[in-house]
Amino acid sequence: MNQSPEPIELLYRETGPSLLAYFRCRPGLAGAAEDDVRLEPMREAIARLPGPQREALQLKLQHELSYEEIAEVLGVP
């Protein structure tokens, strides 16, 4: 059976490693203004995700949870 990729995987494929950097960047760092401009399309794409998918993405990238842990947090079997 050919399963569709997870929304997180699709977004990561479209944005590459910069997605991970987006979630790890901190305000006040040098170049933050440039990052804001460069990452705006990514923020917009993330904002368009349905709530549960956006939350799963944040759990994966900000909190570095496994897919199993994310499923448990979100109550998904």
N, C-alpha and C. Protein backbone atom coordinates (compact mmCIF):
# COMPACT_ATOMS: atom_id res chain seq x y z
N MET A 1 0.85 -1.18 0.00
CA MET A 1 0.00 0.00 0.00
C MET A 1 0.89 1.24 0.00
N ASN A 2 0.60 2.17 -0.85
CA ASN A 2 1.37 3.41 -0.94
C ASN A 2 0.71 4.47 -0.08
N GLN A 3 1.34 4.80 1.05
CA GLN A 3 0.78 5.80 1.95
C GLN A 3 1.23 7.19 1.54
N SER A 4 0.35 8.14 1.71
CA SER A 4 0.72 9.53 1.45
C SER A 4 1.67 10.01 2.54
N PRO A 5 2.61 10.88 2.18
CA PRO A 5 3.52 11.42 3.20
C PRO A 5 2.75 12.24 4.23
N GLU A 6 3.28 12.28 5.44
CA GLU A 6 2.70 13.09 6.50
C GLU A 6 2.80 14.56 6.11
N PRO A 7 1.86 15.41 6.57
CA PRO A 7 1.96 16.84 6.28
C PRO A 7 3.29 17.45 6.70
N ILE A 8 3.83 16.97 7.82
CA ILE A 8 5.12 17.47 8.28
C ILE A 8 6.19 17.17 7.24
N GLU A 9 6.19 15.96 6.72
CA GLU A 9 7.18 15.57 5.73
C GLU A 9 7.03 16.38 4.45
N LEU A 10 5.80 16.62 4.03
CA LEU A 10 5.58 17.41 2.82
C LEU A 10 6.10 18.83 2.99
N LEU A 11 5.80 19.45 4.13
CA LEU A 11 6.26 20.81 4.37
C LEU A 11 7.78 20.84 4.44
N TYR A 12 8.37 19.84 5.08
CA TYR A 12 9.83 19.80 5.18
C TYR A 12 10.46 19.65 3.79
N ARG A 13 9.85 18.82 2.96
CA ARG A 13 10.37 18.64 1.59
C ARG A 13 10.34 19.95 0.81
N GLU A 14 9.28 20.73 1.03
CA GLU A 14 9.14 22.00 0.31
C GLU A 14 10.09 23.07 0.82
N THR A 15 10.39 23.04 2.12
CA THR A 15 11.17 24.13 2.70
C THR A 15 12.59 23.74 3.05
N GLY A 16 12.86 22.45 3.18
CA GLY A 16 14.21 21.99 3.49
C GLY A 16 14.62 22.31 4.91
N PRO A 17 15.93 22.29 5.16
CA PRO A 17 16.44 22.48 6.52
C PRO A 17 16.08 23.84 7.13
N SER A 18 15.74 24.82 6.31
CA SER A 18 15.40 26.12 6.86
C SER A 18 14.16 26.04 7.76
N LEU A 19 13.31 25.04 7.56
CA LEU A 19 12.15 24.88 8.42
C LEU A 19 12.59 24.61 9.85
N LEU A 20 13.55 23.73 10.00
CA LEU A 20 14.07 23.43 11.33
C LEU A 20 14.69 24.68 11.93
N ALA A 21 15.42 25.43 11.15
CA ALA A 21 16.05 26.66 11.63
C ALA A 21 14.99 27.67 12.08
N TYR A 22 13.88 27.71 11.37
CA TYR A 22 12.80 28.64 11.73
C TYR A 22 12.35 28.40 13.17
N PHE A 23 12.16 27.15 13.53
CA PHE A 23 11.66 26.85 14.86
C PHE A 23 12.73 26.98 15.93
N ARG A 24 13.98 26.98 15.53
CA ARG A 24 15.05 27.07 16.52
C ARG A 24 15.62 28.47 16.65
N CYS A 25 15.28 29.38 15.75
CA CYS A 25 15.84 30.73 15.83
C CYS A 25 15.22 31.45 17.02
N ARG A 26 16.00 32.35 17.60
CA ARG A 26 15.56 33.10 18.77
C ARG A 26 15.55 34.59 18.43
N PRO A 27 14.57 35.33 18.92
CA PRO A 27 14.55 36.78 18.68
C PRO A 27 15.81 37.42 19.26
N GLY A 28 16.28 38.44 18.57
CA GLY A 28 17.43 39.17 19.07
C GLY A 28 18.75 38.70 18.51
N LEU A 29 18.77 37.58 17.81
CA LEU A 29 20.02 37.12 17.22
C LEU A 29 20.37 37.97 16.02
N ALA A 30 21.66 38.07 15.74
CA ALA A 30 22.10 38.82 14.56
C ALA A 30 21.44 38.22 13.32
N GLY A 31 20.96 39.07 12.45
CA GLY A 31 20.34 38.61 11.22
C GLY A 31 18.88 38.24 11.37
N ALA A 32 18.31 38.51 12.54
CA ALA A 32 16.91 38.13 12.77
C ALA A 32 15.98 38.82 11.78
N ALA A 33 16.25 40.07 11.44
CA ALA A 33 15.39 40.78 10.48
C ALA A 33 15.46 40.12 9.12
N GLU A 34 16.66 39.72 8.70
CA GLU A 34 16.79 39.02 7.42
C GLU A 34 16.06 37.69 7.46
N ASP A 35 16.17 36.98 8.58
CA ASP A 35 15.47 35.71 8.73
C ASP A 35 13.97 35.92 8.62
N ASP A 36 13.47 37.00 9.23
CA ASP A 36 12.03 37.27 9.18
C ASP A 36 11.55 37.39 7.74
N VAL A 37 12.29 38.11 6.92
CA VAL A 37 11.91 38.30 5.52
C VAL A 37 12.01 36.99 4.76
N ARG A 38 13.09 36.27 4.97
CA ARG A 38 13.34 35.03 4.24
C ARG A 38 12.35 33.94 4.63
N LEU A 39 11.93 33.94 5.88
CA LEU A 39 11.09 32.87 6.38
C LEU A 39 9.59 33.18 6.32
N GLU A 40 9.24 34.36 5.89
CA GLU A 40 7.82 34.73 5.85
C GLU A 40 6.97 33.76 5.01
N PRO A 41 7.43 33.34 3.82
CA PRO A 41 6.62 32.37 3.07
C PRO A 41 6.41 31.06 3.84
N MET A 42 7.41 30.67 4.60
CA MET A 42 7.29 29.45 5.40
C MET A 42 6.27 29.64 6.52
N ARG A 43 6.32 30.79 7.17
CA ARG A 43 5.35 31.08 8.22
C ARG A 43 3.93 31.06 7.66
N GLU A 44 3.77 31.62 6.47
CA GLU A 44 2.45 31.64 5.84
C GLU A 44 1.97 30.23 5.52
N ALA A 45 2.88 29.39 5.04
CA ALA A 45 2.53 28.00 4.74
C ALA A 45 2.13 27.26 6.01
N ILE A 46 2.87 27.48 7.07
CA ILE A 46 2.56 26.84 8.35
C ILE A 46 1.22 27.33 8.87
N ALA A 47 0.96 28.61 8.75
CA ALA A 47 -0.30 29.19 9.23
C ALA A 47 -1.50 28.62 8.48
N ARG A 48 -1.31 28.20 7.24
CA ARG A 48 -2.42 27.64 6.44
C ARG A 48 -2.73 26.19 6.81
N LEU A 49 -1.83 25.54 7.53
CA LEU A 49 -2.09 24.16 7.92
C LEU A 49 -3.27 24.10 8.88
N PRO A 50 -4.08 23.05 8.79
CA PRO A 50 -5.13 22.87 9.79
C PRO A 50 -4.50 22.75 11.18
N GLY A 51 -5.23 23.17 12.20
CA GLY A 51 -4.72 23.20 13.57
C GLY A 51 -3.98 21.95 14.02
N PRO A 52 -4.56 20.76 13.88
CA PRO A 52 -3.86 19.56 14.34
C PRO A 52 -2.54 19.31 13.59
N GLN A 53 -2.51 19.61 12.31
CA GLN A 53 -1.27 19.41 11.55
C GLN A 53 -0.22 20.43 11.97
N ARG A 54 -0.66 21.66 12.21
CA ARG A 54 0.27 22.70 12.67
C ARG A 54 0.83 22.32 14.04
N GLU A 55 -0.03 21.81 14.91
CA GLU A 55 0.42 21.40 16.24
C GLU A 55 1.39 20.23 16.15
N ALA A 56 1.11 19.27 15.27
CA ALA A 56 2.02 18.14 15.08
C ALA A 56 3.38 18.62 14.59
N LEU A 57 3.37 19.57 13.69
CA LEU A 57 4.62 20.13 13.18
C LEU A 57 5.42 20.79 14.29
N GLN A 58 4.75 21.56 15.12
CA GLN A 58 5.43 22.21 16.23
C GLN A 58 5.99 21.19 17.22
N LEU A 59 5.22 20.16 17.51
CA LEU A 59 5.70 19.13 18.43
C LEU A 59 6.93 18.42 17.88
N LYS A 60 6.94 18.19 16.57
CA LYS A 60 8.07 17.51 15.94
C LYS A 60 9.30 18.39 15.93
N LEU A 61 9.15 19.63 15.50
CA LEU A 61 10.32 20.47 15.27
C LEU A 61 10.74 21.28 16.49
N GLN A 62 9.81 21.80 17.25
CA GLN A 62 10.18 22.59 18.42
C GLN A 62 10.55 21.69 19.59
N HIS A 63 9.79 20.63 19.77
CA HIS A 63 9.99 19.79 20.94
C HIS A 63 10.70 18.47 20.62
N GLU A 64 10.94 18.25 19.32
CA GLU A 64 11.67 17.08 18.84
C GLU A 64 11.08 15.76 19.33
N LEU A 65 9.74 15.70 19.34
CA LEU A 65 9.07 14.46 19.73
C LEU A 65 9.08 13.48 18.56
N SER A 66 9.01 12.20 18.89
CA SER A 66 8.88 11.18 17.85
C SER A 66 7.44 11.19 17.34
N TYR A 67 7.21 10.52 16.21
CA TYR A 67 5.85 10.45 15.68
C TYR A 67 4.93 9.73 16.66
N GLU A 68 5.45 8.73 17.35
CA GLU A 68 4.66 8.01 18.34
C GLU A 68 4.28 8.93 19.49
N GLU A 69 5.22 9.75 19.96
CA GLU A 69 4.94 10.69 21.04
C GLU A 69 3.93 11.75 20.61
N ILE A 70 4.06 12.21 19.38
CA ILE A 70 3.12 13.20 18.86
C ILE A 70 1.71 12.61 18.82
N ALA A 71 1.60 11.38 18.34
CA ALA A 71 0.29 10.72 18.29
C ALA A 71 -0.32 10.62 19.68
N GLU A 72 0.50 10.31 20.66
CA GLU A 72 0.01 10.21 22.04
C GLU A 72 -0.47 11.57 22.55
N VAL A 73 0.32 12.61 22.33
CA VAL A 73 -0.05 13.96 22.77
C VAL A 73 -1.35 14.40 22.12
N LEU A 74 -1.49 14.13 20.83
CA LEU A 74 -2.67 14.56 20.08
C LEU A 74 -3.85 13.60 20.22
N GLY A 75 -3.63 12.46 20.85
CA GLY A 75 -4.70 11.49 21.02
C GLY A 75 -5.08 10.78 19.74
N VAL A 76 -4.08 10.58 18.88
CA VAL A 76 -4.30 9.91 17.60
C VAL A 76 -3.80 8.48 17.72
N PRO A 77 -4.62 7.49 17.33
CA PRO A 77 -4.16 6.09 17.45
C PRO A 77 -3.03 5.76 16.49
